[in-house]
Amino acid sequence: MPTTKRITVYVDHVDSSADFDWMREWLAKWGEAARVESYSTGGWEHIWDIEATVEAAEEIPEDWLCASDWATHETFGKP
């Protein structure tokens, strides 16, 4: 069983920064157990590609996870 998981996380903070703040706290909490491969923002939108321990990844709300070349490369036909 794998000990790490690749995830792509999307949050925005148009009306409230609560989700973004939660992610910043999560990243601080997990430190090296959650390595950010890439981060992008459009101002109100935030996307992280993260490799994290399974335990850390399980804390992320499921509706924040999204498909990506990073996390679900098989969906895009890439090895």
N, C-alpha and C. Protein backbone atom coordinates (compact mmCIF):
# COMPACT_ATOMS: atom_id res chain seq x y z
N MET A 1 0.85 -1.19 0.00
CA MET A 1 0.00 0.00 0.00
C MET A 1 0.89 1.25 0.00
N PRO A 2 0.57 2.22 -0.87
CA PRO A 2 1.38 3.44 -0.92
C PRO A 2 1.30 4.23 0.39
N THR A 3 2.39 4.90 0.71
CA THR A 3 2.40 5.73 1.91
C THR A 3 2.15 7.20 1.60
N THR A 4 2.25 7.56 0.29
CA THR A 4 1.97 8.94 -0.12
C THR A 4 0.92 8.93 -1.22
N LYS A 5 0.36 10.11 -1.42
CA LYS A 5 -0.70 10.27 -2.41
C LYS A 5 -0.50 11.61 -3.10
N ARG A 6 -0.75 11.64 -4.40
CA ARG A 6 -0.71 12.89 -5.14
C ARG A 6 -2.13 13.45 -5.21
N ILE A 7 -2.28 14.71 -4.85
CA ILE A 7 -3.58 15.36 -4.89
C ILE A 7 -3.45 16.75 -5.51
N THR A 8 -4.53 17.18 -6.13
CA THR A 8 -4.65 18.56 -6.59
C THR A 8 -5.82 19.16 -5.84
N VAL A 9 -5.56 20.29 -5.21
CA VAL A 9 -6.55 20.96 -4.36
C VAL A 9 -6.90 22.30 -4.96
N TYR A 10 -8.21 22.58 -5.02
CA TYR A 10 -8.69 23.87 -5.50
C TYR A 10 -9.57 24.51 -4.43
N VAL A 11 -9.28 25.75 -4.08
CA VAL A 11 -10.15 26.55 -3.21
C VAL A 11 -10.19 27.97 -3.76
N ASP A 12 -11.25 28.67 -3.42
CA ASP A 12 -11.30 30.09 -3.76
C ASP A 12 -11.72 30.87 -2.52
N HIS A 13 -11.56 32.17 -2.61
CA HIS A 13 -12.00 33.01 -1.48
C HIS A 13 -12.60 34.31 -2.00
N VAL A 14 -13.65 34.14 -2.80
CA VAL A 14 -14.36 35.29 -3.34
C VAL A 14 -15.08 36.03 -2.22
N ASP A 15 -15.86 35.30 -1.43
CA ASP A 15 -16.63 35.92 -0.36
C ASP A 15 -15.98 35.77 1.01
N SER A 16 -15.14 34.73 1.15
CA SER A 16 -14.52 34.45 2.44
C SER A 16 -13.17 33.79 2.21
N SER A 17 -12.20 34.08 3.04
CA SER A 17 -10.89 33.45 2.92
C SER A 17 -10.77 32.21 3.81
N ALA A 18 -11.88 31.74 4.38
CA ALA A 18 -11.84 30.63 5.34
C ALA A 18 -11.20 29.37 4.75
N ASP A 19 -11.55 28.99 3.52
CA ASP A 19 -10.98 27.78 2.92
C ASP A 19 -9.49 27.96 2.64
N PHE A 20 -9.12 29.11 2.12
CA PHE A 20 -7.71 29.40 1.87
C PHE A 20 -6.92 29.39 3.17
N ASP A 21 -7.46 30.01 4.20
CA ASP A 21 -6.80 30.03 5.51
C ASP A 21 -6.65 28.62 6.06
N TRP A 22 -7.68 27.79 5.89
CA TRP A 22 -7.63 26.40 6.35
C TRP A 22 -6.49 25.66 5.65
N MET A 23 -6.36 25.87 4.33
CA MET A 23 -5.28 25.21 3.58
C MET A 23 -3.91 25.67 4.06
N ARG A 24 -3.75 26.96 4.32
CA ARG A 24 -2.47 27.45 4.82
C ARG A 24 -2.14 26.80 6.17
N GLU A 25 -3.13 26.66 7.03
CA GLU A 25 -2.91 26.00 8.32
C GLU A 25 -2.60 24.52 8.14
N TRP A 26 -3.28 23.87 7.20
CA TRP A 26 -3.02 22.45 6.91
C TRP A 26 -1.59 22.27 6.44
N LEU A 27 -1.15 23.12 5.52
CA LEU A 27 0.24 23.03 5.02
C LEU A 27 1.25 23.23 6.14
N ALA A 28 0.99 24.18 7.02
CA ALA A 28 1.89 24.42 8.16
C ALA A 28 1.89 23.22 9.10
N LYS A 29 0.72 22.67 9.35
CA LYS A 29 0.59 21.53 10.25
C LYS A 29 1.38 20.32 9.74
N TRP A 30 1.26 20.01 8.46
CA TRP A 30 1.86 18.80 7.93
C TRP A 30 3.30 18.99 7.47
N GLY A 31 3.75 20.20 7.30
CA GLY A 31 5.15 20.47 6.98
C GLY A 31 5.68 19.60 5.86
N GLU A 32 6.78 18.89 6.13
CA GLU A 32 7.43 18.07 5.12
C GLU A 32 6.61 16.86 4.70
N ALA A 33 5.58 16.52 5.44
CA ALA A 33 4.71 15.40 5.07
C ALA A 33 3.77 15.78 3.94
N ALA A 34 3.75 17.06 3.56
CA ALA A 34 2.92 17.54 2.45
C ALA A 34 3.76 18.46 1.58
N ARG A 35 4.39 17.88 0.57
CA ARG A 35 5.28 18.63 -0.31
C ARG A 35 4.48 19.26 -1.45
N VAL A 36 4.56 20.57 -1.57
CA VAL A 36 3.87 21.28 -2.65
C VAL A 36 4.74 21.22 -3.90
N GLU A 37 4.23 20.54 -4.91
CA GLU A 37 4.93 20.44 -6.19
C GLU A 37 4.74 21.72 -6.99
N SER A 38 3.52 22.25 -6.98
CA SER A 38 3.27 23.53 -7.65
C SER A 38 2.07 24.22 -7.01
N TYR A 39 2.04 25.53 -7.17
CA TYR A 39 0.96 26.35 -6.64
C TYR A 39 0.67 27.43 -7.67
N SER A 40 -0.60 27.67 -7.92
CA SER A 40 -0.95 28.77 -8.81
C SER A 40 -2.17 29.49 -8.25
N THR A 41 -2.26 30.76 -8.60
CA THR A 41 -3.39 31.55 -8.13
C THR A 41 -3.79 32.53 -9.22
N GLY A 42 -5.08 32.78 -9.28
CA GLY A 42 -5.61 33.80 -10.18
C GLY A 42 -6.10 34.98 -9.38
N GLY A 43 -5.68 35.04 -8.13
CA GLY A 43 -6.12 36.09 -7.23
C GLY A 43 -7.08 35.53 -6.20
N TRP A 44 -8.25 35.12 -6.66
CA TRP A 44 -9.25 34.54 -5.75
C TRP A 44 -9.28 33.03 -5.81
N GLU A 45 -8.61 32.46 -6.81
CA GLU A 45 -8.59 31.02 -6.99
C GLU A 45 -7.20 30.49 -6.66
N HIS A 46 -7.13 29.36 -5.98
CA HIS A 46 -5.86 28.79 -5.57
C HIS A 46 -5.84 27.31 -5.91
N ILE A 47 -4.75 26.86 -6.54
CA ILE A 47 -4.61 25.45 -6.90
C ILE A 47 -3.23 24.98 -6.46
N TRP A 48 -3.22 23.88 -5.72
CA TRP A 48 -1.98 23.26 -5.27
C TRP A 48 -1.89 21.84 -5.82
N ASP A 49 -0.73 21.45 -6.33
CA ASP A 49 -0.39 20.06 -6.60
C ASP A 49 0.48 19.64 -5.43
N ILE A 50 0.02 18.63 -4.71
CA ILE A 50 0.68 18.24 -3.46
C ILE A 50 0.93 16.74 -3.44
N GLU A 51 2.09 16.34 -2.95
CA GLU A 51 2.34 14.95 -2.62
C GLU A 51 2.39 14.89 -1.10
N ALA A 52 1.47 14.13 -0.53
CA ALA A 52 1.33 14.10 0.92
C ALA A 52 1.20 12.67 1.42
N THR A 53 1.45 12.49 2.70
CA THR A 53 1.18 11.19 3.29
C THR A 53 -0.32 10.93 3.15
N VAL A 54 -0.68 9.67 3.11
CA VAL A 54 -2.10 9.31 3.00
C VAL A 54 -2.88 9.92 4.15
N GLU A 55 -2.33 9.87 5.33
CA GLU A 55 -2.99 10.43 6.51
C GLU A 55 -3.28 11.92 6.33
N ALA A 56 -2.31 12.66 5.85
CA ALA A 56 -2.50 14.10 5.63
C ALA A 56 -3.52 14.35 4.54
N ALA A 57 -3.41 13.62 3.43
CA ALA A 57 -4.32 13.81 2.30
C ALA A 57 -5.77 13.55 2.68
N GLU A 58 -5.99 12.61 3.59
CA GLU A 58 -7.35 12.28 3.99
C GLU A 58 -8.04 13.41 4.74
N GLU A 59 -7.29 14.37 5.25
CA GLU A 59 -7.89 15.51 5.95
C GLU A 59 -8.48 16.55 5.00
N ILE A 60 -8.06 16.53 3.73
CA ILE A 60 -8.55 17.51 2.77
C ILE A 60 -10.01 17.20 2.43
N PRO A 61 -10.89 18.18 2.50
CA PRO A 61 -12.28 17.93 2.12
C PRO A 61 -12.35 17.40 0.68
N GLU A 62 -13.12 16.35 0.49
CA GLU A 62 -13.19 15.69 -0.81
C GLU A 62 -13.63 16.62 -1.94
N ASP A 63 -14.51 17.56 -1.64
CA ASP A 63 -14.97 18.45 -2.71
C ASP A 63 -13.94 19.51 -3.09
N TRP A 64 -12.80 19.54 -2.43
CA TRP A 64 -11.71 20.44 -2.81
C TRP A 64 -10.75 19.75 -3.78
N LEU A 65 -10.84 18.43 -3.91
CA LEU A 65 -9.93 17.69 -4.78
C LEU A 65 -10.42 17.76 -6.22
N CYS A 66 -9.48 17.84 -7.16
CA CYS A 66 -9.88 17.90 -8.56
C CYS A 66 -8.93 17.08 -9.41
N ALA A 67 -9.40 16.72 -10.59
CA ALA A 67 -8.60 15.95 -11.54
C ALA A 67 -7.51 16.86 -12.11
N SER A 68 -6.36 16.27 -12.38
CA SER A 68 -5.25 17.03 -12.96
C SER A 68 -4.22 16.07 -13.52
N ASP A 69 -3.32 16.59 -14.37
CA ASP A 69 -2.20 15.78 -14.85
C ASP A 69 -1.39 15.24 -13.68
N TRP A 70 -1.28 16.02 -12.62
CA TRP A 70 -0.49 15.65 -11.44
C TRP A 70 -1.14 14.52 -10.66
N ALA A 71 -2.41 14.70 -10.30
CA ALA A 71 -3.06 13.77 -9.38
C ALA A 71 -3.71 12.58 -10.07
N THR A 72 -4.26 12.80 -11.24
CA THR A 72 -4.99 11.75 -11.94
C THR A 72 -4.52 11.66 -13.38
N HIS A 73 -3.21 11.50 -13.55
CA HIS A 73 -2.62 11.52 -14.88
C HIS A 73 -3.23 10.47 -15.80
N GLU A 74 -3.68 9.34 -15.25
CA GLU A 74 -4.29 8.30 -16.07
C GLU A 74 -5.57 8.79 -16.74
N THR A 75 -6.26 9.74 -16.12
CA THR A 75 -7.46 10.33 -16.69
C THR A 75 -7.13 11.07 -17.98
N PHE A 76 -5.93 11.61 -18.06
CA PHE A 76 -5.50 12.39 -19.20
C PHE A 76 -4.65 11.58 -20.18
N GLY A 77 -4.57 10.27 -19.95
CA GLY A 77 -3.84 9.40 -20.86
C GLY A 77 -2.34 9.51 -20.78
N LYS A 78 -1.83 9.91 -19.62
CA LYS A 78 -0.39 10.04 -19.45
C LYS A 78 0.10 9.03 -18.44
N PRO A 79 1.30 8.49 -18.65
CA PRO A 79 1.84 7.48 -17.71
C PRO A 79 2.21 8.08 -16.36
